Protein backbone atom coordinates (compact mmCIF):
# COMPACT_ATOMS: atom_id res chain seq x y z
CA MET A 1 0.22 -0.05 0.03
CA VAL A 2 1.20 3.71 -0.80
CA GLY A 3 -0.04 6.17 1.71
CA VAL A 4 -0.95 9.78 0.35
CA ALA A 5 -1.16 13.02 2.34
CA ILE A 6 -2.67 16.16 0.33
CA LEU A 7 -1.37 19.73 1.57
CA GLY A 8 -4.32 22.08 1.19
CA HIS A 9 -8.10 21.22 0.37
CA GLY A 10 -8.57 24.13 -2.15
CA VAL A 11 -9.61 23.68 -5.83
CA VAL A 12 -6.87 21.11 -6.82
CA GLY A 13 -6.43 19.56 -3.56
CA SER A 14 -10.18 18.21 -2.93
CA GLY A 15 -10.05 17.49 -6.77
CA VAL A 16 -7.23 15.17 -5.80
CA ALA A 17 -8.99 13.88 -2.92
CA GLU A 18 -12.20 13.08 -5.08
CA ILE A 19 -10.29 11.07 -7.60
CA LEU A 20 -8.31 9.03 -4.92
CA GLU A 21 -11.57 8.12 -3.09
CA LYS A 22 -13.73 7.76 -6.20
CA ASN A 23 -11.25 5.61 -8.30
CA ALA A 24 -9.42 3.57 -5.69
CA SER A 25 -9.73 0.48 -7.58
CA ARG A 26 -8.82 1.78 -11.13
CA LEU A 27 -5.65 3.66 -9.58
CA ALA A 28 -4.65 0.24 -7.87
CA GLN A 29 -4.64 -1.37 -11.20
CA LYS A 30 -2.82 1.32 -12.96
CA SER A 31 0.06 1.51 -9.99
CA MET A 32 -0.39 -2.30 -9.36
CA GLN A 33 -0.67 -1.46 -5.68
CA ASP A 34 -3.31 0.08 -3.58
CA ILE A 35 -3.08 3.72 -3.13
CA GLU A 36 -4.81 5.13 0.26
CA LEU A 37 -5.43 8.64 1.22
CA LEU A 38 -4.12 8.78 4.59
CA TYR A 39 -4.35 12.49 5.65
CA VAL A 40 -5.48 16.06 4.16
CA LEU A 41 -3.58 18.93 5.75
CA ASP A 42 -5.79 22.29 5.85
CA VAL A 43 -6.47 24.94 8.61
CA ARG A 44 -9.96 24.82 7.97
CA GLU A 45 -12.56 22.82 9.12
CA PHE A 46 -14.39 20.26 6.58
CA PRO A 47 -17.09 18.59 9.10
CA ASP A 48 -19.25 17.30 6.02
CA CYS A 49 -16.57 15.96 3.90
CA PRO A 50 -17.25 11.95 3.37
CA TYR A 51 -13.16 11.77 4.49
CA ALA A 52 -13.55 14.44 7.30
CA ALA A 53 -11.79 11.87 9.81
CA LYS A 54 -8.38 12.29 7.54
CA PHE A 55 -8.00 15.84 8.05
CA THR A 56 -5.08 17.58 10.11
CA LYS A 57 -3.89 20.90 11.02
CA ASP A 58 -0.39 19.64 11.93
CA PHE A 59 2.08 18.78 8.95
CA SER A 60 4.52 17.08 11.79
CA VAL A 61 1.81 14.38 11.95
CA ILE A 62 2.09 13.45 8.22
CA GLU A 63 5.97 14.48 8.57
CA ASN A 64 6.15 11.60 11.15
CA ASP A 65 4.15 8.99 9.86
CA PRO A 66 6.10 6.24 7.87
CA ARG A 67 3.02 5.06 5.85
CA VAL A 68 3.03 8.15 4.27
CA GLN A 69 5.38 7.98 1.03
CA VAL A 70 3.98 10.63 -1.28
CA VAL A 71 3.27 13.67 -0.35
CA VAL A 72 0.87 16.00 -2.43
CA GLU A 73 1.53 19.87 -2.43
CA THR A 74 -1.57 21.89 -3.67
CA ILE A 75 -0.97 25.07 -1.06
CA GLY A 76 0.59 27.33 -3.75
CA GLY A 77 3.17 30.11 -3.20
CA VAL A 78 6.81 29.90 -1.81
CA GLY A 79 6.22 30.29 1.74
CA VAL A 80 5.11 27.37 3.88
CA ALA A 81 4.60 25.07 0.43
CA LEU A 82 8.27 25.47 0.23
CA ASP A 83 9.05 24.53 3.93
CA PHE A 84 6.67 21.55 3.99
CA THR A 85 7.91 20.32 0.34
CA ARG A 86 11.50 20.69 1.85
CA ARG A 87 10.68 18.84 5.02
CA ALA A 88 8.72 16.02 3.04
CA LEU A 89 11.79 15.07 0.91
CA LEU A 90 14.69 15.52 3.65
CA GLY A 91 12.24 13.00 5.67
CA GLY A 92 12.59 10.51 2.73
CA LYS A 93 8.99 11.28 1.09
CA ASN A 94 8.28 11.46 -2.64
CA VAL A 95 6.44 15.09 -3.68
CA VAL A 96 3.95 15.79 -6.06
CA SER A 97 3.24 19.58 -6.66
CA SER A 98 0.68 21.37 -8.95
CA ASN A 99 2.68 24.56 -7.47
CA LYS A 100 4.21 26.45 -10.53
CA GLU A 101 5.57 29.16 -8.85
CA LEU A 102 7.39 26.94 -6.24
CA VAL A 103 8.78 24.95 -9.21
CA ALA A 104 9.86 27.87 -11.26
CA GLU A 105 11.70 29.43 -8.27
CA TYR A 106 13.12 26.39 -6.43
CA GLY A 107 12.93 23.78 -9.00
CA ALA A 108 16.35 23.00 -9.04
CA GLU A 109 17.24 23.03 -5.25
CA LEU A 110 14.08 20.66 -4.67
CA LEU A 111 14.99 18.13 -7.63
CA SER A 112 18.65 18.17 -6.15
CA ILE A 113 17.29 17.27 -2.58
CA ALA A 114 15.11 14.68 -4.26
CA ARG A 115 18.21 13.16 -6.19
CA GLU A 116 20.34 12.85 -3.14
CA ARG A 117 17.70 10.77 -1.35
CA ASN A 118 16.66 8.65 -4.41
CA LEU A 119 12.92 10.34 -4.59
CA ASN A 120 11.01 11.91 -6.96
CA TYR A 121 9.72 15.34 -6.98
CA LEU A 122 7.11 15.42 -9.73
CA PHE A 123 5.10 18.36 -11.02
CA GLU A 124 3.33 17.60 -14.16
CA ALA A 125 0.41 19.70 -13.05
CA SER A 126 2.33 22.93 -12.71
CA VAL A 127 2.25 23.86 -16.43
CA GLY A 128 -1.08 23.41 -18.61
CA GLY A 129 -3.38 22.10 -16.14
CA GLY A 130 -4.66 18.63 -17.47
CA ILE A 131 -2.23 18.63 -20.89
CA PRO A 132 0.63 16.32 -20.74
CA ILE A 133 3.60 18.31 -21.32
CA ILE A 134 6.06 17.61 -18.54
CA ARG A 135 6.28 13.81 -18.80
CA PRO A 136 6.51 13.90 -22.70
CA ILE A 137 9.13 16.41 -22.77
CA SER A 138 11.38 14.49 -20.29
CA GLN A 139 10.31 10.97 -21.71
CA CYS A 140 8.94 10.87 -25.15
CA LEU A 141 11.01 13.87 -26.75
CA ALA A 142 14.10 12.75 -24.64
CA ALA A 143 15.89 11.48 -28.24
CA ASN A 144 15.59 14.98 -29.33
CA GLU A 145 18.10 18.16 -28.97
CA LEU A 146 15.22 20.63 -28.16
CA HIS A 147 15.57 24.01 -29.68
CA GLU A 148 12.60 25.86 -28.53
CA ILE A 149 9.22 26.04 -26.77
CA TYR A 150 6.55 28.50 -27.05
CA GLY A 151 2.82 28.80 -26.49
CA ILE A 152 -0.32 30.06 -25.27
CA LEU A 153 0.25 29.22 -21.29
CA ASN A 154 -2.56 30.97 -19.47
CA GLY A 155 -6.42 30.77 -20.11
CA THR A 156 -7.49 33.64 -18.49
CA THR A 157 -5.61 35.86 -20.73
CA ASN A 158 -6.67 33.46 -23.66
CA TYR A 159 -10.55 33.82 -23.06
CA ILE A 160 -10.03 37.57 -22.93
CA LEU A 161 -8.36 37.92 -26.09
CA THR A 162 -10.84 35.47 -27.70
CA ARG A 163 -13.61 37.70 -26.62
CA MET A 164 -12.11 40.73 -27.81
CA ILE A 165 -11.37 39.11 -31.30
CA SER A 166 -14.68 37.49 -31.83
CA HIS A 167 -16.97 39.88 -29.88
CA GLY A 168 -15.38 43.07 -29.79
CA LEU A 169 -15.13 43.47 -26.18
CA THR A 170 -12.85 45.86 -24.55
CA MET A 171 -10.18 44.13 -22.48
CA GLU A 172 -12.01 45.35 -19.35
CA GLU A 173 -15.28 44.00 -20.59
CA ALA A 174 -14.00 40.72 -21.19
CA LEU A 175 -11.86 40.75 -17.89
CA ALA A 176 -15.14 41.34 -16.24
CA GLU A 177 -16.66 38.57 -18.12
CA ALA A 178 -13.71 36.31 -17.32
CA LYS A 179 -14.48 36.90 -13.53
CA GLN A 180 -18.11 35.90 -13.91
CA HIS A 181 -17.35 32.70 -15.46
CA GLY A 182 -14.72 31.94 -12.66
CA TYR A 183 -11.82 31.82 -15.31
CA ALA A 184 -10.16 34.73 -13.50
CA GLU A 185 -9.47 35.50 -10.07
CA ALA A 186 -10.91 38.71 -8.20
CA ASN A 187 -7.13 40.01 -8.58
CA PRO A 188 -6.24 38.81 -11.98
CA THR A 189 -2.73 40.54 -11.69
CA ASP A 190 -0.79 37.40 -12.16
CA ASP A 191 -2.78 36.15 -15.19
CA VAL A 192 -3.18 39.69 -17.04
CA GLU A 193 0.45 40.96 -16.41
CA GLY A 194 1.87 37.60 -17.67
CA ASN A 195 3.81 36.77 -14.30
CA ASP A 196 1.93 33.23 -14.54
CA ALA A 197 2.84 32.41 -18.27
CA CYS A 198 6.59 33.53 -16.91
CA ARG A 199 6.44 30.93 -14.24
CA LYS A 200 5.11 28.13 -16.86
CA ILE A 201 7.71 29.15 -19.65
CA CYS A 202 10.81 29.00 -16.99
CA ILE A 203 9.55 25.50 -15.70
CA LEU A 204 9.25 24.24 -19.25
CA ALA A 205 12.58 26.06 -20.37
CA ALA A 206 14.35 24.00 -17.29
CA LEU A 207 12.88 20.79 -18.29
CA ALA A 208 13.76 21.26 -22.02
CA PHE A 209 17.01 22.70 -21.82
CA GLY A 210 18.63 21.54 -18.71
CA ARG A 211 18.97 24.83 -16.63
CA GLN A 212 16.81 26.92 -14.32
CA ILE A 213 15.92 30.09 -15.60
CA MET A 214 14.71 32.73 -12.78
CA PRO A 215 11.29 34.26 -13.48
CA SER A 216 13.06 37.71 -12.35
CA SER A 217 15.53 37.48 -15.00
CA VAL A 218 12.63 37.03 -17.84
CA SER A 219 11.18 39.96 -19.85
CA THR A 220 7.58 39.49 -19.16
CA GLU A 221 4.40 41.70 -20.59
CA GLY A 222 1.04 41.00 -20.19
CA ILE A 223 -2.28 41.98 -22.35
CA THR A 224 -3.19 45.32 -20.60
CA GLY A 225 -1.74 47.41 -23.19
CA VAL A 226 -3.48 45.41 -25.61
CA THR A 227 -6.54 47.76 -27.47
CA LEU A 228 -9.27 46.80 -29.59
CA ARG A 229 -7.80 48.83 -32.41
CA ASP A 230 -4.57 46.63 -31.87
CA VAL A 231 -6.74 43.51 -32.59
CA ARG A 232 -8.71 44.98 -35.68
CA TYR A 233 -5.28 46.27 -36.95
CA ALA A 234 -4.03 42.59 -36.61
CA ALA A 235 -7.35 41.11 -38.28
CA SER A 236 -6.65 43.45 -41.38
CA GLY A 237 -3.27 41.54 -41.96
CA GLY A 238 -5.08 37.97 -41.66
CA MET A 239 -3.41 37.77 -37.63
CA VAL A 240 -4.90 37.24 -34.26
CA VAL A 241 -3.12 38.67 -30.97
CA LYS A 242 -2.10 35.83 -28.30
CA LEU A 243 -0.18 36.02 -25.23
CA LEU A 244 2.88 33.54 -25.62
CA GLY A 245 5.86 32.44 -23.41
CA ARG A 246 8.67 31.79 -25.38
CA ALA A 247 12.13 30.03 -25.05
CA LYS A 248 14.90 29.37 -27.33
CA VAL A 249 18.42 28.00 -27.56
CA LEU A 250 20.40 30.58 -29.56
CA ASP A 251 23.39 29.84 -31.98
CA ASN A 252 25.78 30.33 -29.30
CA GLY A 253 24.41 27.87 -26.68
CA ASN A 254 22.94 30.44 -24.39
CA VAL A 255 18.97 30.52 -23.83
CA SER A 256 16.97 33.50 -24.15
CA ALA A 257 13.37 33.75 -23.01
CA TYR A 258 10.37 36.17 -22.25
CA VAL A 259 6.41 36.52 -22.09
CA ALA A 260 4.65 39.04 -24.45
CA PRO A 261 1.76 39.72 -26.64
CA HIS A 262 2.14 38.65 -30.23
CA LEU A 263 0.38 38.78 -33.62
CA ILE A 264 0.20 35.45 -34.85
CA HIS A 265 -1.03 34.70 -38.59
CA ARG A 266 -4.11 32.63 -38.95
CA ASP A 267 -2.45 29.72 -40.67
CA ASN A 268 -0.20 29.25 -37.49
CA PRO A 269 -1.79 26.25 -35.28
CA LEU A 270 -1.95 28.43 -32.22
CA ALA A 271 -4.09 31.02 -33.69
CA SER A 272 -7.15 28.55 -33.57
CA VAL A 273 -6.56 27.93 -29.72
CA GLU A 274 -9.32 29.92 -28.39
CA ASP A 275 -11.33 30.54 -24.97
CA VAL A 276 -9.66 28.89 -22.01
CA PHE A 277 -7.47 26.41 -23.85
CA ASN A 278 -3.72 26.56 -24.07
CA GLY A 279 -1.29 25.32 -26.92
CA ILE A 280 2.27 24.65 -26.54
CA VAL A 281 4.84 24.06 -29.47
CA VAL A 282 7.90 22.15 -28.67
CA THR A 283 10.79 21.94 -31.54
CA GLY A 284 13.28 19.14 -31.60
CA ASP A 285 15.97 18.28 -34.08
CA ALA A 286 14.40 15.04 -34.98
CA ILE A 287 10.65 15.65 -34.40
CA GLY A 288 10.41 18.96 -35.95
CA ASP A 289 7.11 20.91 -34.50
CA VAL A 290 4.98 18.79 -31.93
CA MET A 291 1.92 20.72 -30.52
CA PHE A 292 0.27 20.22 -27.24
CA TYR A 293 -3.35 21.38 -27.16
CA GLY A 294 -6.01 21.20 -23.95
CA ARG A 295 -7.63 22.76 -21.02
CA GLY A 296 -5.02 24.66 -19.08
CA ALA A 297 -6.63 25.04 -15.80
CA GLY A 298 -9.57 24.00 -13.84
CA LYS A 299 -10.39 21.66 -10.94
CA MET A 300 -10.37 18.08 -12.43
CA PRO A 301 -8.14 18.41 -15.02
CA THR A 302 -5.56 19.83 -12.79
CA ALA A 303 -6.08 17.21 -10.31
CA SER A 304 -6.03 14.43 -12.88
CA ALA A 305 -2.26 15.47 -14.11
CA VAL A 306 -1.83 15.66 -10.16
CA VAL A 307 -3.00 12.14 -9.46
CA ALA A 308 -1.21 10.70 -12.85
CA ASP A 309 1.91 11.79 -10.86
CA ILE A 310 0.88 10.03 -8.00
CA ILE A 311 0.69 7.05 -10.13
CA ASP A 312 3.94 7.54 -11.43
CA ALA A 313 5.66 8.10 -8.23
CA ALA A 314 4.03 4.95 -6.52
CA LYS A 315 5.47 2.88 -9.52
CA HIS A 316 9.05 4.45 -9.10
CA LEU A 317 9.16 4.49 -5.19
CA ASN A 318 12.52 2.76 -5.40
CA ALA A 319 13.83 4.22 -8.66
CA ARG A 320 14.09 7.86 -9.48
CA LYS A 321 12.51 9.38 -12.47
CA LEU A 322 15.20 11.16 -14.30
CA ILE A 323 13.99 14.72 -14.18
CA PHE A 324 16.63 17.22 -12.97
CA TRP A 325 18.15 20.81 -14.29
CA ASP A 326 21.23 22.71 -12.85
CA LYS A 327 21.04 25.85 -11.08
CA ALA A 328 20.55 29.15 -12.97
CA ASP A 329 23.75 30.76 -14.33
CA ASP A 330 23.34 34.26 -15.46
CA ASN A 331 26.08 33.89 -17.86
CA LYS A 332 24.10 31.49 -20.33
CA PHE A 333 20.96 33.75 -20.22
CA GLU A 334 20.46 36.54 -22.62
CA PRO A 335 17.60 38.64 -22.80
CA ALA A 336 14.91 38.91 -25.28
CA SER A 337 16.24 41.06 -27.79
CA ALA A 338 18.85 38.22 -28.60
CA ILE A 339 15.95 36.79 -30.56
CA PRO A 340 15.24 38.69 -33.66
CA SER A 341 11.45 39.06 -34.69
CA ALA A 342 9.45 41.22 -36.76
CA TRP A 343 7.23 43.70 -35.23
CA TYR A 344 3.46 45.47 -35.04
CA VAL A 345 3.91 48.76 -34.81
CA ARG A 346 1.05 51.40 -33.99
CA ALA A 347 1.86 54.93 -34.25
CA LYS A 348 1.35 58.51 -34.76
CA MET A 349 3.50 59.17 -37.90
CA SER A 350 3.32 59.20 -41.57
CA GLU A 351 3.84 56.22 -43.74
CA SER A 352 6.99 58.03 -45.13
CA GLN A 353 8.46 58.37 -41.58
CA ALA A 354 7.66 54.74 -40.93
CA ARG A 355 9.68 53.57 -44.13
CA GLU A 356 12.57 55.58 -43.08
CA LEU A 357 12.83 54.24 -39.78
CA PHE A 358 12.03 50.45 -40.45
CA GLY A 359 12.51 50.01 -44.47
CA GLU A 360 9.93 47.81 -46.26
CA ILE A 361 6.94 47.62 -44.26
CA SER A 362 3.68 45.82 -44.62
CA MET A 363 0.38 48.59 -43.92
CA LEU A 364 -2.36 47.47 -41.88
CA SER A 365 -5.72 49.12 -41.63
CA CYS A 366 -8.67 49.56 -38.94
CA ASP A 367 -11.78 51.65 -39.42
CA GLU A 368 -11.45 53.18 -36.08
CA ALA A 369 -7.95 54.39 -36.55
CA ALA A 370 -7.27 57.40 -34.45
CA ASP A 371 -6.45 60.73 -36.39
CA GLY A 372 -2.72 60.60 -37.84
CA GLU A 373 -2.55 56.96 -36.60
CA ILE A 374 -0.81 54.24 -38.77
CA ALA A 375 -0.04 50.63 -37.76
CA PHE A 376 2.19 48.38 -39.71
CA VAL A 377 4.33 45.08 -39.50
CA THR A 378 8.16 45.76 -39.88
CA PRO A 379 10.67 43.41 -41.29
CA GLU A 380 12.77 41.09 -39.21
CA ILE A 381 14.84 43.16 -36.69
CA GLY A 382 17.63 42.04 -34.62
CA GLY A 383 18.70 43.51 -31.10
CA GLU A 384 16.25 45.92 -29.51
CA MET A 385 13.09 47.32 -31.08
CA PRO A 386 13.94 51.01 -32.33
CA SER A 387 12.28 53.63 -30.28
CA ALA A 388 10.89 56.68 -31.69
CA ALA A 389 8.52 59.47 -31.20
CA GLY A 390 4.78 58.79 -31.70
CA ILE A 391 5.17 54.91 -31.18
CA GLU A 392 2.31 54.17 -29.15
CA SER A 393 2.15 50.24 -29.37
CA VAL A 394 4.53 47.38 -30.35
CA MET A 395 4.25 43.57 -30.51
CA ARG A 396 6.24 40.64 -31.76
CA VAL A 397 4.92 39.09 -34.96
CA LEU A 398 5.19 35.20 -35.09
């Protein structure tokens, strides 16, 4: 029997408990042994819960019970979640996590502790919710040298942009609608400012390229500056606006990563990823481009990914999964400007001024254009995007 303790009984934690209790026989078949929920840690009371007797408020109870072999961390953040994760690993327990912030900030340290103690630290649910992406990169694509990862990593912002594109809502209107549907938190800052996508691209890049990238090093821009005029200018050129996280290996072997809104041509598969769905493209030398698509969040999709890791941990109690990356090295990371790009520009200037600045540009149109305003796409530019008086909005074009 493999004993499991869940830390946190919120949206994801309660979903994990529900699956463990409801599908016990199926999980036993998959893991070839019984998986039993022994504890749920939470400071709140849940007297009406069918497994209420399993709740505790004291982590040391879990820490000191030798029956607990897998600890599931769904608390979030890097405070108590980091402390409990460290203590669980140091105490000889495998850890499964859905905590993207913790993995992005402390993944190298926690994986190192796990390796030293022949344990597993697994975190499939930290990126993409229910979309399998961590395991495919570490296992299915292991024969490839991976060159680039990019994609739509945040369902809230994708929903907002979809509503702006398809129904002409302003960003503020679309955000209010997202809150009504439960797609956005009361404080949506991490989503709309790109912080959530930043943590996820850091995890994916570390996994793919073997070295931690600190979120604080990654240029991160959200969607708060995207206007309906930008959306309509993009449409005139057969493009849509999407918030992307991107990480790429440069010719010198260093890595660059960033998060920013992009204009994407409609023939790009990511252009059709709408609403709360995510899409992630991985490029390898042997496989070429592979795209992963699905719901990037939600109680049961995320809980499903967590339980898959529990099964994996149960099957590898005495054998480590080969997931590891080195600590961050600033000398091997370069800014976003290291990746050349064509750019979308909206500016108060004449077409002749724009051509003088950028060369052969492609003009875009919008019925609601402001007086004296133009928008266009530049040729590919290396280095920093040139700045000039009158430029009001810039976005990369993919």
